[in-house]
Amino acid sequence: MKVLLLFVIVTLALGKEIGDDIIKSWEDVAKPHLSDCAKESGLSESEAENIMKNKIMSTHAHKCYTKCLDVRLGLFDPETRNFNIDGLVKKIKGMTREIAEECFTKYKDEKDDCELVFASGMCFIEKITKDR
């Protein structure tokens, strides 16, 4: 369920349709971290809440909000700059190790962790949803 959060954030950024049930699940997962991640990334709580309402932006602050959530959910380790590929493969429908590794490798030289997390997520969601 927690991995659903990253999926929803990036899917919103790509302009894909998401059902209300998925948005509700995402809100439930993100809510405990909303205030802290908003503050950490420089967003207001209102801006962070709007991400859940299909109003995601690709500003640096929004990307850092995504990174904060990924860190708190155990999907990204900022110290090692590694992603939890096994967790992603296990919990995201359509995700394969190959897709995850390809996307994370593509952006591994990105110096900014916020950009790294966001770009990698955009890549794998785009690949998963490409044929749908």
Protein backbone atom coordinates (compact mmCIF):
# COMPACT_ATOMS: atom_id res chain seq x y z
CA MET A 1 0.00 0.00 0.00
CA LYS A 2 2.78 2.45 0.86
CA VAL A 3 4.41 2.00 -2.52
CA LEU A 4 1.12 3.10 -4.02
CA LEU A 5 2.02 6.60 -2.85
CA LEU A 6 4.95 7.01 -5.20
CA PHE A 7 2.94 5.49 -8.02
CA VAL A 8 0.12 7.98 -7.52
CA ILE A 9 2.40 11.02 -7.25
CA VAL A 10 4.21 10.23 -10.45
CA THR A 11 1.07 9.16 -12.28
CA LEU A 12 -0.47 12.52 -11.40
CA ALA A 13 2.60 14.24 -12.79
CA LEU A 14 2.19 12.36 -16.05
CA GLY A 15 -1.45 13.34 -16.28
CA LYS A 16 -2.78 9.79 -16.06
CA GLU A 17 -6.31 9.16 -14.78
CA ILE A 18 -6.53 7.79 -11.27
CA GLY A 19 -9.65 6.52 -9.56
CA ASP A 20 -11.03 8.10 -6.39
CA ASP A 21 -10.36 4.89 -4.45
CA ILE A 22 -6.64 5.10 -5.29
CA ILE A 23 -6.53 8.79 -4.37
CA LYS A 24 -8.20 7.96 -1.03
CA SER A 25 -5.65 5.21 -0.37
CA TRP A 26 -2.86 7.63 -1.21
CA GLU A 27 -4.26 10.27 1.13
CA ASP A 28 -4.39 7.72 3.95
CA VAL A 29 -0.75 6.72 3.40
CA ALA A 30 0.58 10.26 2.95
CA LYS A 31 -1.40 11.96 5.70
CA PRO A 32 0.91 11.02 8.61
CA HIS A 33 3.86 12.54 6.71
CA LEU A 34 2.13 15.47 5.01
CA SER A 35 2.97 18.19 7.51
CA ASP A 36 6.58 17.16 8.10
CA CYS A 37 7.33 16.57 4.41
CA ALA A 38 5.65 19.83 3.42
CA LYS A 39 7.74 21.71 5.95
CA GLU A 40 10.94 19.88 4.98
CA SER A 41 10.41 20.58 1.27
CA GLY A 42 9.29 24.18 1.59
CA LEU A 43 5.65 23.63 0.63
CA SER A 44 2.67 24.86 2.57
CA GLU A 45 0.38 22.14 3.89
CA SER A 46 -2.23 23.38 1.43
CA GLU A 47 0.15 22.83 -1.51
CA ALA A 48 0.97 19.34 -0.25
CA GLU A 49 -2.74 18.55 0.10
CA ASN A 50 -3.32 19.74 -3.48
CA ILE A 51 -0.90 17.11 -4.76
CA MET A 52 -3.48 14.59 -3.65
CA LYS A 53 -6.14 16.39 -5.68
CA ASN A 54 -4.48 16.02 -9.09
CA LYS A 55 -2.67 19.34 -8.86
CA ILE A 56 0.91 18.14 -8.72
CA MET A 57 3.56 20.52 -9.94
CA SER A 58 7.08 19.71 -11.00
CA THR A 59 8.75 22.46 -9.00
CA HIS A 60 11.82 21.60 -6.98
CA ALA A 61 9.81 21.84 -3.75
CA HIS A 62 7.25 19.34 -5.06
CA LYS A 63 10.03 17.00 -6.12
CA CYS A 64 11.55 17.27 -2.64
CA TYR A 65 8.16 16.53 -1.10
CA THR A 66 8.10 13.32 -3.16
CA LYS A 67 11.61 12.47 -2.00
CA CYS A 68 10.65 13.06 1.63
CA LEU A 69 7.68 10.71 1.31
CA ASP A 70 9.85 8.07 -0.39
CA VAL A 71 12.41 8.29 2.41
CA ARG A 72 9.78 8.03 5.14
CA LEU A 73 8.15 5.08 3.37
CA GLY A 74 11.44 3.20 3.00
CA LEU A 75 11.60 3.47 -0.79
CA PHE A 76 14.71 5.64 -1.00
CA ASP A 77 17.78 5.85 1.24
CA PRO A 78 19.37 9.31 0.92
CA GLU A 79 22.60 8.18 2.58
CA THR A 80 23.31 5.45 0.05
CA ARG A 81 21.19 7.03 -2.72
CA ASN A 82 19.69 3.59 -3.34
CA PHE A 83 16.10 2.65 -4.02
CA ASN A 84 14.28 -0.33 -2.52
CA ILE A 85 13.88 -2.13 -5.84
CA ASP A 86 12.64 -5.35 -4.26
CA GLY A 87 9.87 -3.45 -2.48
CA LEU A 88 8.86 -1.65 -5.65
CA VAL A 89 8.78 -4.86 -7.69
CA LYS A 90 6.81 -6.66 -5.01
CA LYS A 91 4.19 -3.96 -4.47
CA ILE A 92 3.64 -2.13 -7.78
CA LYS A 93 1.57 -3.92 -10.36
CA GLY A 94 3.46 -4.04 -13.64
CA MET A 95 6.82 -3.13 -12.11
CA THR A 96 9.71 -5.38 -13.01
CA ARG A 97 13.25 -5.41 -11.73
CA GLU A 98 14.38 -4.54 -15.26
CA ILE A 99 12.19 -1.42 -15.43
CA ALA A 100 13.24 -0.29 -11.96
CA GLU A 101 16.94 -0.84 -12.60
CA GLU A 102 16.80 0.76 -16.05
CA CYS A 103 15.15 3.91 -14.74
CA PHE A 104 17.24 4.22 -11.60
CA THR A 105 20.43 3.64 -13.60
CA LYS A 106 19.38 6.24 -16.15
CA TYR A 107 19.30 8.95 -13.46
CA LYS A 108 21.93 7.67 -11.02
CA ASP A 109 24.32 10.52 -11.86
CA GLU A 110 21.75 13.15 -10.91
CA LYS A 111 23.36 15.11 -8.07
CA ASP A 112 20.16 16.37 -6.49
CA ASP A 113 18.26 13.66 -4.59
CA CYS A 114 14.91 15.37 -5.18
CA GLU A 115 15.50 15.33 -8.93
CA LEU A 116 16.81 11.75 -8.79
CA VAL A 117 13.74 10.39 -7.02
CA PHE A 118 11.27 12.32 -9.14
CA ALA A 119 12.91 11.59 -12.51
CA SER A 120 13.35 7.90 -11.70
CA GLY A 121 9.73 7.63 -10.63
CA MET A 122 8.52 9.43 -13.77
CA CYS A 123 10.55 7.00 -15.87
CA PHE A 124 9.24 3.78 -14.37
CA ILE A 125 5.63 4.90 -14.22
CA GLU A 126 5.82 6.02 -17.83
CA LYS A 127 7.16 2.59 -18.81
CA ILE A 128 4.54 0.73 -16.78
CA THR A 129 1.65 2.78 -18.17
CA LYS A 130 3.02 3.03 -21.74
CA ASP A 131 0.94 0.21 -23.18
CA ARG A 132 -2.23 0.83 -21.17
